[in-house]
Amino acid sequence: MDSRTFPKEVGGDLANRTFLDILIECPKIVEFVDTLWVVEKTTGIFKDFYEYIKFMLQNPLVKIEHQERARAFVKTVAEDKIPSYMKKFCSSPRV
């Protein structure tokens, strides 16, 4: 499933990207899916992506690598632009 690709018609940050590429390059999207998506409310390729993210993050090494990327990501974002689901990756408390 690593090579599964979102169609260009999806648009936005997911268009033409593989599941693996998003897992490695987009910690904000990965955390959004892991934290906020509900399996019963997803269908089609989005359900496949949800299941892929959940499965991959069960691997402790993949989870640690994701957390490191998420910590690096929040350092690049202004405090007032950090989504609530990403705040747990801030090294200092950011409200």
C-alpha atoms as a PDB file:
ATOM      1  CA  MET A   1       0.000   0.000   0.000  1.00  0.00           C
ATOM      2  CA  ASP A   2       3.026   2.290   0.255  1.00  0.00           C
ATOM      3  CA  SER A   3       2.740   3.092  -3.456  1.00  0.00           C
ATOM      4  CA  ARG A   4      -1.010   3.764  -3.448  1.00  0.00           C
ATOM      5  CA  THR A   5      -1.503   7.254  -4.865  1.00  0.00           C
ATOM      6  CA  PHE A   6      -4.227   9.809  -4.325  1.00  0.00           C
ATOM      7  CA  PRO A   7      -5.684  10.895  -7.666  1.00  0.00           C
ATOM      8  CA  LYS A   8      -5.022  14.444  -8.839  1.00  0.00           C
ATOM      9  CA  GLU A   9      -8.770  15.102  -8.647  1.00  0.00           C
ATOM     10  CA  VAL A  10      -8.539  14.985  -4.844  1.00  0.00           C
ATOM     11  CA  GLY A  11      -6.614  18.237  -5.033  1.00  0.00           C
ATOM     12  CA  GLY A  12      -4.807  19.980  -2.214  1.00  0.00           C
ATOM     13  CA  ASP A  13      -1.897  18.452  -0.349  1.00  0.00           C
ATOM     14  CA  LEU A  14      -2.899  14.861  -1.123  1.00  0.00           C
ATOM     15  CA  ALA A  15      -3.152  15.012  -4.929  1.00  0.00           C
ATOM     16  CA  ASN A  16      -0.734  12.745  -6.804  1.00  0.00           C
ATOM     17  CA  ARG A  17       1.056  11.708  -3.616  1.00  0.00           C
ATOM     18  CA  THR A  18       1.682   8.177  -2.435  1.00  0.00           C
ATOM     19  CA  PHE A  19       0.663   7.012   1.012  1.00  0.00           C
ATOM     20  CA  LEU A  20       4.334   6.496   1.884  1.00  0.00           C
ATOM     21  CA  ASP A  21       5.295   9.974   0.706  1.00  0.00           C
ATOM     22  CA  ILE A  22       2.615  11.531   2.900  1.00  0.00           C
ATOM     23  CA  LEU A  23       3.664   9.390   5.869  1.00  0.00           C
ATOM     24  CA  ILE A  24       7.263  10.586   5.564  1.00  0.00           C
ATOM     25  CA  GLU A  25       6.813  14.168   4.338  1.00  0.00           C
ATOM     26  CA  CYS A  26       3.585  15.387   5.965  1.00  0.00           C
ATOM     27  CA  PRO A  27       3.525  14.917   9.745  1.00  0.00           C
ATOM     28  CA  LYS A  28       0.653  17.402  10.057  1.00  0.00           C
ATOM     29  CA  ILE A  29      -1.564  15.295   7.775  1.00  0.00           C
ATOM     30  CA  VAL A  30      -0.510  12.046   9.441  1.00  0.00           C
ATOM     31  CA  GLU A  31      -1.319  13.405  12.887  1.00  0.00           C
ATOM     32  CA  PHE A  32      -4.629  14.846  11.658  1.00  0.00           C
ATOM     33  CA  VAL A  33      -5.646  11.422  10.334  1.00  0.00           C
ATOM     34  CA  ASP A  34      -4.384   9.546  13.392  1.00  0.00           C
ATOM     35  CA  THR A  35      -5.986  11.909  15.894  1.00  0.00           C
ATOM     36  CA  LEU A  36      -9.197  13.165  14.299  1.00  0.00           C
ATOM     37  CA  TRP A  37     -10.439  10.828  11.585  1.00  0.00           C
ATOM     38  CA  VAL A  38     -13.119   8.280  12.469  1.00  0.00           C
ATOM     39  CA  VAL A  39     -13.036   5.027  10.514  1.00  0.00           C
ATOM     40  CA  GLU A  40     -16.839   4.840  10.292  1.00  0.00           C
ATOM     41  CA  LYS A  41     -16.907   8.213   8.543  1.00  0.00           C
ATOM     42  CA  THR A  42     -14.304   7.425   5.894  1.00  0.00           C
ATOM     43  CA  THR A  43     -14.803   5.646   2.579  1.00  0.00           C
ATOM     44  CA  GLY A  44     -12.866   4.704  -0.517  1.00  0.00           C
ATOM     45  CA  ILE A  45      -9.273   5.827  -0.775  1.00  0.00           C
ATOM     46  CA  PHE A  46      -9.638   7.894   2.403  1.00  0.00           C
ATOM     47  CA  LYS A  47     -10.552   4.786   4.384  1.00  0.00           C
ATOM     48  CA  ASP A  48      -7.601   2.960   2.833  1.00  0.00           C
ATOM     49  CA  PHE A  49      -5.344   5.856   3.835  1.00  0.00           C
ATOM     50  CA  TYR A  50      -6.755   5.898   7.381  1.00  0.00           C
ATOM     51  CA  GLU A  51      -6.118   2.155   7.735  1.00  0.00           C
ATOM     52  CA  TYR A  52      -2.616   2.563   6.282  1.00  0.00           C
ATOM     53  CA  ILE A  53      -1.698   5.321   8.749  1.00  0.00           C
ATOM     54  CA  LYS A  54      -3.110   3.407  11.724  1.00  0.00           C
ATOM     55  CA  PHE A  55      -1.291   0.236  10.647  1.00  0.00           C
ATOM     56  CA  MET A  56       2.031   1.963  10.021  1.00  0.00           C
ATOM     57  CA  LEU A  57       1.965   3.830  13.352  1.00  0.00           C
ATOM     58  CA  GLN A  58       1.598   0.524  15.194  1.00  0.00           C
ATOM     59  CA  ASN A  59       5.257  -0.092  14.343  1.00  0.00           C
ATOM     60  CA  PRO A  60       7.231   1.500  17.205  1.00  0.00           C
ATOM     61  CA  LEU A  61      10.058   2.651  14.915  1.00  0.00           C
ATOM     62  CA  VAL A  62       7.665   4.281  12.433  1.00  0.00           C
ATOM     63  CA  LYS A  63       5.814   5.936  15.341  1.00  0.00           C
ATOM     64  CA  ILE A  64       9.058   7.361  16.787  1.00  0.00           C
ATOM     65  CA  GLU A  65      10.137   8.637  13.379  1.00  0.00           C
ATOM     66  CA  HIS A  66       6.730  10.289  12.902  1.00  0.00           C
ATOM     67  CA  GLN A  67       6.953  11.943  16.323  1.00  0.00           C
ATOM     68  CA  GLU A  68      10.420  13.299  15.489  1.00  0.00           C
ATOM     69  CA  ARG A  69       9.127  14.736  12.193  1.00  0.00           C
ATOM     70  CA  ALA A  70       6.135  16.242  14.011  1.00  0.00           C
ATOM     71  CA  ARG A  71       8.411  17.899  16.603  1.00  0.00           C
ATOM     72  CA  ALA A  72      10.528  19.341  13.793  1.00  0.00           C
ATOM     73  CA  PHE A  73       7.408  20.529  11.957  1.00  0.00           C
ATOM     74  CA  VAL A  74       5.954  22.514  14.879  1.00  0.00           C
ATOM     75  CA  LYS A  75       9.258  24.377  15.219  1.00  0.00           C
ATOM     76  CA  THR A  76       8.683  25.789  11.722  1.00  0.00           C
ATOM     77  CA  VAL A  77       5.200  27.122  12.441  1.00  0.00           C
ATOM     78  CA  ALA A  78       4.203  30.310  14.252  1.00  0.00           C
ATOM     79  CA  GLU A  79       2.685  29.530  17.647  1.00  0.00           C
ATOM     80  CA  ASP A  80      -0.725  30.855  16.685  1.00  0.00           C
ATOM     81  CA  LYS A  81      -0.761  28.640  13.561  1.00  0.00           C
ATOM     82  CA  ILE A  82      -0.067  25.301  15.264  1.00  0.00           C
ATOM     83  CA  PRO A  83      -3.181  23.124  15.091  1.00  0.00           C
ATOM     84  CA  SER A  84      -4.460  21.902  18.462  1.00  0.00           C
ATOM     85  CA  TYR A  85      -3.747  18.271  17.548  1.00  0.00           C
ATOM     86  CA  MET A  86      -0.063  19.175  16.961  1.00  0.00           C
ATOM     87  CA  LYS A  87       0.526  21.092  20.205  1.00  0.00           C
ATOM     88  CA  LYS A  88       1.590  17.922  22.019  1.00  0.00           C
ATOM     89  CA  PHE A  89       4.749  17.996  19.879  1.00  0.00           C
ATOM     90  CA  CYS A  90       5.857  21.410  21.116  1.00  0.00           C
ATOM     91  CA  SER A  91       8.880  21.250  23.405  1.00  0.00           C
ATOM     92  CA  SER A  92       7.603  24.125  25.522  1.00  0.00           C
ATOM     93  CA  PRO A  93       3.970  24.635  26.447  1.00  0.00           C
ATOM     94  CA  ARG A  94       2.205  26.611  23.716  1.00  0.00           C
ATOM     95  CA  VAL A  95      -1.380  27.526  24.354  1.00  0.00           C
END
